[in-house]
Amino acid sequence: MKAFVASTEGRLRLFVLPAYSPQLNPDEWVWKNVKHDRVGRTSVTGPDEFKSKVIGALRRLQKLPHIVRAFFADPDLRYITT
């Protein structure tokens, strides 16, 4: 792996993260937005409705890239944008 990364002449960098580090994982920001800010604020009557609301929340984020970009403003995610 190190040889391959070296062959990319700086275009690819590896970052070794701790085994459990949700604050360093941008996916956690997406799920926090979906679970806490969207679906968690509604009532759900069954699995199908839950699935529909989660998919709707993810599609909403897909159409609002400025929200996703804002996740990367967190200081813990600075390693991604350096």
Protein backbone atom coordinates (compact mmCIF):
# COMPACT_ATOMS: atom_id res chain seq x y z
CA MET A 1 0.00 0.00 0.00
CA LYS A 2 2.78 2.41 0.90
CA ALA A 3 4.47 1.81 -2.46
CA PHE A 4 1.22 2.47 -4.32
CA VAL A 5 0.58 5.69 -2.40
CA ALA A 6 4.16 6.81 -3.09
CA SER A 7 3.64 6.13 -6.80
CA THR A 8 0.80 8.68 -6.92
CA GLU A 9 3.29 11.51 -6.39
CA GLY A 10 1.27 13.19 -3.65
CA ARG A 11 -2.15 12.90 -5.30
CA LEU A 12 -3.23 10.29 -2.75
CA ARG A 13 -2.67 10.51 0.98
CA LEU A 14 -3.55 8.02 3.68
CA PHE A 15 -4.81 8.96 7.11
CA VAL A 16 -4.78 6.33 9.82
CA LEU A 17 -7.77 6.80 12.09
CA PRO A 18 -8.41 5.23 15.48
CA ALA A 19 -10.53 2.06 15.47
CA TYR A 20 -13.56 3.92 16.82
CA SER A 21 -13.68 7.61 16.00
CA PRO A 22 -17.15 8.75 14.94
CA GLN A 23 -16.18 12.41 15.30
CA LEU A 24 -13.63 11.88 12.49
CA ASN A 25 -16.09 10.17 10.14
CA PRO A 26 -18.11 12.46 7.86
CA ASP A 27 -20.73 9.72 7.42
CA GLU A 28 -21.65 10.23 11.06
CA TRP A 29 -22.63 13.82 10.28
CA VAL A 30 -24.99 12.60 7.57
CA TRP A 31 -26.62 10.07 9.88
CA LYS A 32 -26.87 12.61 12.69
CA ASN A 33 -28.70 14.93 10.33
CA VAL A 34 -31.03 12.17 9.13
CA LYS A 35 -31.71 10.59 12.54
CA HIS A 36 -31.72 13.56 14.88
CA ASP A 37 -32.62 16.54 12.75
CA ARG A 38 -35.13 14.94 10.37
CA VAL A 39 -36.59 11.48 11.13
CA GLY A 40 -36.25 11.72 14.91
CA ARG A 41 -38.52 14.75 14.95
CA THR A 42 -41.44 12.90 13.33
CA SER A 43 -43.77 10.11 14.35
CA VAL A 44 -43.45 6.80 12.56
CA THR A 45 -46.14 4.14 12.49
CA GLY A 46 -44.21 1.26 10.95
CA PRO A 47 -41.10 0.04 9.14
CA ASP A 48 -42.29 1.10 5.69
CA GLU A 49 -42.99 4.64 6.83
CA PHE A 50 -39.63 4.75 8.64
CA LYS A 51 -37.82 3.62 5.48
CA SER A 52 -39.69 6.20 3.43
CA LYS A 53 -38.76 9.00 5.83
CA VAL A 54 -35.08 8.00 5.92
CA ILE A 55 -34.89 7.83 2.13
CA GLY A 56 -36.65 11.19 1.93
CA ALA A 57 -34.17 12.74 4.35
CA LEU A 58 -31.21 11.37 2.38
CA ARG A 59 -32.68 12.64 -0.89
CA ARG A 60 -33.19 16.03 0.73
CA LEU A 61 -29.47 16.14 1.60
CA GLN A 62 -28.65 15.09 -1.94
CA LYS A 63 -30.43 18.19 -3.21
CA LEU A 64 -28.81 20.49 -0.63
CA PRO A 65 -25.05 20.05 -1.09
CA HIS A 66 -24.32 23.20 0.93
CA ILE A 67 -25.51 21.32 4.03
CA VAL A 68 -23.20 18.38 3.29
CA ARG A 69 -20.29 20.76 2.66
CA ALA A 70 -21.00 22.38 6.02
CA PHE A 71 -20.37 19.05 7.76
CA PHE A 72 -16.74 19.37 6.69
CA ALA A 73 -16.37 22.70 8.48
CA ASP A 74 -16.09 20.84 11.77
CA PRO A 75 -12.52 21.11 13.11
CA ASP A 76 -12.34 17.32 13.65
CA LEU A 77 -12.76 16.82 9.89
CA ARG A 78 -10.00 19.24 8.93
CA TYR A 79 -7.78 16.32 7.88
CA ILE A 80 -10.07 15.76 4.88
CA THR A 81 -9.68 19.23 3.40
CA THR A 82 -5.94 19.73 3.96
